[in-house]
Amino acid sequence: MDNLDPQCSVEALTEFLKAGGIDLLSCNNSKSWLRDSEKDKTIAYRVCVPAAQRSIMLDAELWAEGIIVRDWRFKQTDNGGHSSS
């Protein structure tokens, strides 16, 4: 998730997701992928939810305009494995 208000805490996001019927598995600060000039004005999180609730999480109706929710992308490592991103 990206483009959240910098005041949005893990606790606030957790409560919001629970209220929306989503069981949060984990929520961690993440690096924003917005342009450098916008990164200081937002916050990003890596949010993990049960696969069965993926469609709820990705439903645009749940989120305020401008919030970015996308599948997590794993980077390919030099040895052929994956790392988080």
N, C-alpha and C. Protein backbone atom coordinates (compact mmCIF):
# COMPACT_ATOMS: atom_id res chain seq x y z
N MET A 1 0.84 -1.16 0.00
CA MET A 1 0.00 0.00 0.00
C MET A 1 0.89 1.22 0.00
N ASP A 2 0.49 2.21 -0.76
CA ASP A 2 1.28 3.42 -0.83
C ASP A 2 0.35 4.62 -0.93
N ASN A 3 0.94 5.78 -0.72
CA ASN A 3 0.25 7.06 -0.82
C ASN A 3 -0.73 7.29 0.33
N LEU A 4 -0.41 6.70 1.48
CA LEU A 4 -1.22 6.93 2.68
C LEU A 4 -0.73 8.19 3.39
N ASP A 5 -1.61 8.80 4.15
CA ASP A 5 -1.24 9.97 4.93
C ASP A 5 -0.12 9.58 5.89
N PRO A 6 0.92 10.41 6.03
CA PRO A 6 2.03 10.08 6.93
C PRO A 6 1.61 9.87 8.38
N GLN A 7 0.44 10.36 8.76
CA GLN A 7 -0.06 10.17 10.12
C GLN A 7 -0.71 8.80 10.31
N CYS A 8 -0.87 8.04 9.23
CA CYS A 8 -1.50 6.71 9.31
C CYS A 8 -0.54 5.74 9.98
N SER A 9 -0.94 5.21 11.12
CA SER A 9 -0.10 4.28 11.87
C SER A 9 -0.48 2.84 11.53
N VAL A 10 0.39 1.91 11.90
CA VAL A 10 0.10 0.49 11.74
C VAL A 10 -1.20 0.15 12.48
N GLU A 11 -1.35 0.69 13.68
CA GLU A 11 -2.54 0.42 14.48
C GLU A 11 -3.81 0.92 13.80
N ALA A 12 -3.76 2.14 13.26
CA ALA A 12 -4.93 2.71 12.58
C ALA A 12 -5.28 1.90 11.33
N LEU A 13 -4.28 1.51 10.57
CA LEU A 13 -4.52 0.72 9.36
C LEU A 13 -5.08 -0.65 9.73
N THR A 14 -4.55 -1.25 10.78
CA THR A 14 -5.03 -2.55 11.25
C THR A 14 -6.51 -2.47 11.62
N GLU A 15 -6.89 -1.45 12.37
CA GLU A 15 -8.29 -1.28 12.78
C GLU A 15 -9.19 -1.04 11.56
N PHE A 16 -8.71 -0.25 10.61
CA PHE A 16 -9.49 0.03 9.39
C PHE A 16 -9.75 -1.26 8.62
N LEU A 17 -8.71 -2.07 8.46
CA LEU A 17 -8.86 -3.32 7.72
C LEU A 17 -9.78 -4.29 8.44
N LYS A 18 -9.65 -4.39 9.75
CA LYS A 18 -10.54 -5.26 10.53
C LYS A 18 -11.99 -4.82 10.37
N ALA A 19 -12.24 -3.51 10.40
CA ALA A 19 -13.59 -2.99 10.22
C ALA A 19 -14.14 -3.31 8.83
N GLY A 20 -13.23 -3.46 7.85
CA GLY A 20 -13.63 -3.82 6.50
C GLY A 20 -13.74 -5.31 6.27
N GLY A 21 -13.58 -6.10 7.33
CA GLY A 21 -13.72 -7.54 7.22
C GLY A 21 -12.47 -8.26 6.76
N ILE A 22 -11.31 -7.62 6.90
CA ILE A 22 -10.06 -8.22 6.45
C ILE A 22 -9.23 -8.63 7.66
N ASP A 23 -8.79 -9.89 7.66
CA ASP A 23 -7.93 -10.41 8.72
C ASP A 23 -6.49 -10.13 8.35
N LEU A 24 -5.88 -9.23 9.05
CA LEU A 24 -4.51 -8.83 8.77
C LEU A 24 -3.52 -9.85 9.34
N LEU A 25 -2.62 -10.34 8.48
CA LEU A 25 -1.58 -11.27 8.93
C LEU A 25 -0.35 -10.51 9.40
N SER A 26 0.01 -9.46 8.66
CA SER A 26 1.13 -8.60 9.07
C SER A 26 1.03 -7.26 8.37
N CYS A 27 1.67 -6.27 8.97
CA CYS A 27 1.69 -4.92 8.42
C CYS A 27 3.02 -4.29 8.83
N ASN A 28 3.84 -3.95 7.85
CA ASN A 28 5.16 -3.38 8.13
C ASN A 28 5.41 -2.16 7.27
N ASN A 29 6.16 -1.21 7.82
CA ASN A 29 6.56 -0.05 7.02
C ASN A 29 7.30 -0.53 5.78
N SER A 30 7.12 0.18 4.70
CA SER A 30 7.75 -0.19 3.44
C SER A 30 8.26 1.07 2.76
N LYS A 31 9.12 0.88 1.81
CA LYS A 31 9.63 2.00 1.02
C LYS A 31 8.59 2.38 -0.04
N SER A 32 8.30 3.67 -0.11
CA SER A 32 7.35 4.16 -1.10
C SER A 32 7.95 4.03 -2.50
N TRP A 33 7.12 3.74 -3.48
CA TRP A 33 7.59 3.68 -4.86
C TRP A 33 7.12 4.89 -5.67
N LEU A 34 6.66 5.92 -4.97
CA LEU A 34 6.28 7.16 -5.64
C LEU A 34 7.53 7.94 -6.04
N ARG A 35 7.33 8.96 -6.84
CA ARG A 35 8.46 9.82 -7.24
C ARG A 35 9.10 10.44 -6.01
N ASP A 36 10.40 10.67 -6.08
CA ASP A 36 11.15 11.22 -4.95
C ASP A 36 10.51 12.47 -4.36
N SER A 37 9.97 13.33 -5.21
CA SER A 37 9.37 14.58 -4.73
C SER A 37 8.10 14.34 -3.92
N GLU A 38 7.48 13.15 -4.03
CA GLU A 38 6.24 12.85 -3.32
C GLU A 38 6.45 11.97 -2.09
N LYS A 39 7.60 11.33 -1.99
CA LYS A 39 7.83 10.34 -0.94
C LYS A 39 7.76 10.90 0.47
N ASP A 40 8.13 12.15 0.66
CA ASP A 40 8.12 12.75 1.99
C ASP A 40 6.71 13.11 2.46
N LYS A 41 5.75 13.07 1.54
CA LYS A 41 4.39 13.48 1.86
C LYS A 41 3.47 12.29 2.12
N THR A 42 3.99 11.07 2.01
CA THR A 42 3.17 9.88 2.16
C THR A 42 3.91 8.81 2.95
N ILE A 43 3.19 7.72 3.24
CA ILE A 43 3.79 6.56 3.89
C ILE A 43 3.30 5.32 3.15
N ALA A 44 4.11 4.26 3.19
CA ALA A 44 3.76 3.01 2.54
C ALA A 44 3.90 1.86 3.53
N TYR A 45 3.10 0.82 3.33
CA TYR A 45 3.14 -0.38 4.17
C TYR A 45 3.11 -1.63 3.29
N ARG A 46 3.77 -2.67 3.78
CA ARG A 46 3.61 -4.00 3.19
C ARG A 46 2.58 -4.70 4.07
N VAL A 47 1.44 -5.02 3.48
CA VAL A 47 0.33 -5.61 4.20
C VAL A 47 0.09 -7.02 3.66
N CYS A 48 0.03 -8.00 4.57
CA CYS A 48 -0.25 -9.38 4.18
C CYS A 48 -1.60 -9.78 4.73
N VAL A 49 -2.44 -10.34 3.85
CA VAL A 49 -3.77 -10.80 4.24
C VAL A 49 -3.96 -12.22 3.71
N PRO A 50 -4.92 -12.98 4.25
CA PRO A 50 -5.19 -14.31 3.72
C PRO A 50 -5.56 -14.24 2.23
N ALA A 51 -5.11 -15.22 1.47
CA ALA A 51 -5.37 -15.24 0.03
C ALA A 51 -6.87 -15.16 -0.28
N ALA A 52 -7.68 -15.76 0.56
CA ALA A 52 -9.13 -15.76 0.35
C ALA A 52 -9.73 -14.35 0.47
N GLN A 53 -9.00 -13.42 1.09
CA GLN A 53 -9.50 -12.05 1.27
C GLN A 53 -8.83 -11.05 0.32
N ARG A 54 -8.05 -11.56 -0.61
CA ARG A 54 -7.33 -10.71 -1.56
C ARG A 54 -8.28 -9.79 -2.32
N SER A 55 -9.38 -10.32 -2.81
CA SER A 55 -10.31 -9.50 -3.60
C SER A 55 -10.92 -8.37 -2.76
N ILE A 56 -11.15 -8.61 -1.48
CA ILE A 56 -11.67 -7.56 -0.60
C ILE A 56 -10.61 -6.45 -0.47
N MET A 57 -9.39 -6.88 -0.25
CA MET A 57 -8.27 -5.93 -0.07
C MET A 57 -8.07 -5.06 -1.32
N LEU A 58 -8.24 -5.65 -2.49
CA LEU A 58 -8.01 -4.92 -3.74
C LEU A 58 -9.23 -4.16 -4.24
N ASP A 59 -10.34 -4.22 -3.53
CA ASP A 59 -11.55 -3.53 -3.94
C ASP A 59 -11.37 -2.03 -3.78
N ALA A 60 -11.42 -1.31 -4.87
CA ALA A 60 -11.20 0.14 -4.86
C ALA A 60 -12.23 0.88 -3.98
N GLU A 61 -13.40 0.30 -3.79
CA GLU A 61 -14.44 0.93 -2.98
C GLU A 61 -14.03 1.04 -1.50
N LEU A 62 -13.11 0.21 -1.07
CA LEU A 62 -12.65 0.22 0.33
C LEU A 62 -11.75 1.42 0.62
N TRP A 63 -11.07 1.91 -0.41
CA TRP A 63 -10.00 2.89 -0.22
C TRP A 63 -10.38 4.29 -0.67
N ALA A 64 -9.82 5.27 0.02
CA ALA A 64 -10.00 6.67 -0.38
C ALA A 64 -9.27 6.90 -1.71
N GLU A 65 -9.71 7.87 -2.43
CA GLU A 65 -9.09 8.20 -3.72
C GLU A 65 -7.61 8.50 -3.51
N GLY A 66 -6.78 7.93 -4.37
CA GLY A 66 -5.35 8.18 -4.32
C GLY A 66 -4.55 7.10 -3.60
N ILE A 67 -5.20 6.25 -2.81
CA ILE A 67 -4.50 5.16 -2.13
C ILE A 67 -4.14 4.11 -3.19
N ILE A 68 -2.91 3.64 -3.14
CA ILE A 68 -2.43 2.66 -4.10
C ILE A 68 -2.30 1.30 -3.41
N VAL A 69 -3.00 0.31 -3.92
CA VAL A 69 -2.91 -1.06 -3.39
C VAL A 69 -2.54 -1.95 -4.57
N ARG A 70 -1.48 -2.71 -4.41
CA ARG A 70 -1.05 -3.61 -5.49
C ARG A 70 -0.47 -4.87 -4.88
N ASP A 71 -0.36 -5.90 -5.72
CA ASP A 71 0.30 -7.12 -5.28
C ASP A 71 1.76 -6.82 -5.00
N TRP A 72 2.31 -7.54 -4.03
CA TRP A 72 3.72 -7.39 -3.68
C TRP A 72 4.57 -7.95 -4.82
N ARG A 73 5.65 -7.27 -5.12
CA ARG A 73 6.57 -7.72 -6.17
C ARG A 73 7.86 -8.17 -5.52
N PHE A 74 8.30 -9.36 -5.88
CA PHE A 74 9.56 -9.89 -5.38
C PHE A 74 10.64 -9.63 -6.41
N LYS A 75 11.78 -9.13 -5.96
CA LYS A 75 12.91 -8.88 -6.84
C LYS A 75 13.70 -10.16 -7.05
N GLN A 76 14.19 -10.36 -8.25
CA GLN A 76 15.06 -11.49 -8.54
C GLN A 76 16.45 -11.17 -7.97
N THR A 77 17.06 -12.12 -7.27
CA THR A 77 18.40 -11.92 -6.73
C THR A 77 19.43 -12.48 -7.69
N ASP A 78 20.68 -12.16 -7.45
CA ASP A 78 21.76 -12.63 -8.33
C ASP A 78 21.87 -14.14 -8.38
N ASN A 79 21.48 -14.82 -7.30
CA ASN A 79 21.60 -16.28 -7.26
C ASN A 79 20.33 -16.99 -7.72
N GLY A 80 19.39 -16.26 -8.30
CA GLY A 80 18.18 -16.86 -8.83
C GLY A 80 17.02 -16.93 -7.86
N GLY A 81 17.25 -16.54 -6.61
CA GLY A 81 16.18 -16.54 -5.61
C GLY A 81 15.38 -15.26 -5.66
N HIS A 82 14.61 -15.04 -4.63
CA HIS A 82 13.80 -13.83 -4.55
C HIS A 82 14.07 -13.10 -3.25
N SER A 83 13.94 -11.80 -3.32
CA SER A 83 14.00 -10.97 -2.11
C SER A 83 12.75 -10.12 -2.09
N SER A 84 12.41 -9.58 -0.95
CA SER A 84 11.19 -8.77 -0.82
C SER A 84 11.38 -7.39 -1.41
N SER A 85 10.27 -6.85 -1.95
CA SER A 85 10.24 -5.47 -2.40
C SER A 85 8.83 -4.98 -2.51
